[in-house]
């Protein structure tokens, strides 16, 4: 009976830990990683701003059974990616903010398993740009989601590091991707006519408007 009583006390103690400790733990976890890339911010930005490009470098695309479907525009705000796979599970990613060529924000939805926010920051450097990838995992379930929250960073950090390294390699070695730069120029005087036409009328419109501009 004494041994049984001890076992009962131990069980109650463990249950108390499982139920009480999560009450004092954070409801979200921030995981962050960064890397320097020898390419202009615009070139790297393009890879993140279009979800179809993630297949080239994302660590979350390594599941051979994964199936992606897309909604909305091909890139930028409003584009949506749905995925399902044996290892990757299922979820949805929606692009919420896109500021060329400095910032991207997307929303992650894992269904019953919660969700989070992904943020990308692109900072131009002398040799290219610095890329930061941050994921904030939120809506952690009580008690087990919050109890195991310290493990999230341990699991996600290597994946973010791997993804950024793959992104760096892809961008730096893919010669088909243009290296875009934004430059400042001196102001110039321009003369223009704002007009519109259907494709069939482009020739007549240009002839008429250019004639008017030259006469002026």
Foldseek 3Di string as FASTA:
>chain_A
DVVVVVVVVVVVVVVCCQAPVLVPFDQKDKAKDKDDAQAALQLLQVCVQFVVSLCQFALLNPAPFKDKDWDDDRGDAAIKIWIDGPVSHTWMKGWHHDDPRAKTKIWIGRDPQATWIWMWGWAADPRHTMIMIMIMTGPQDPPVSRVCVVCVNVVCNVSVVRRVVSSRVCSVPDPVGDRDDDDDDDDDDDDDDDDDDDPVCPVVVCVVRVVVVVVD
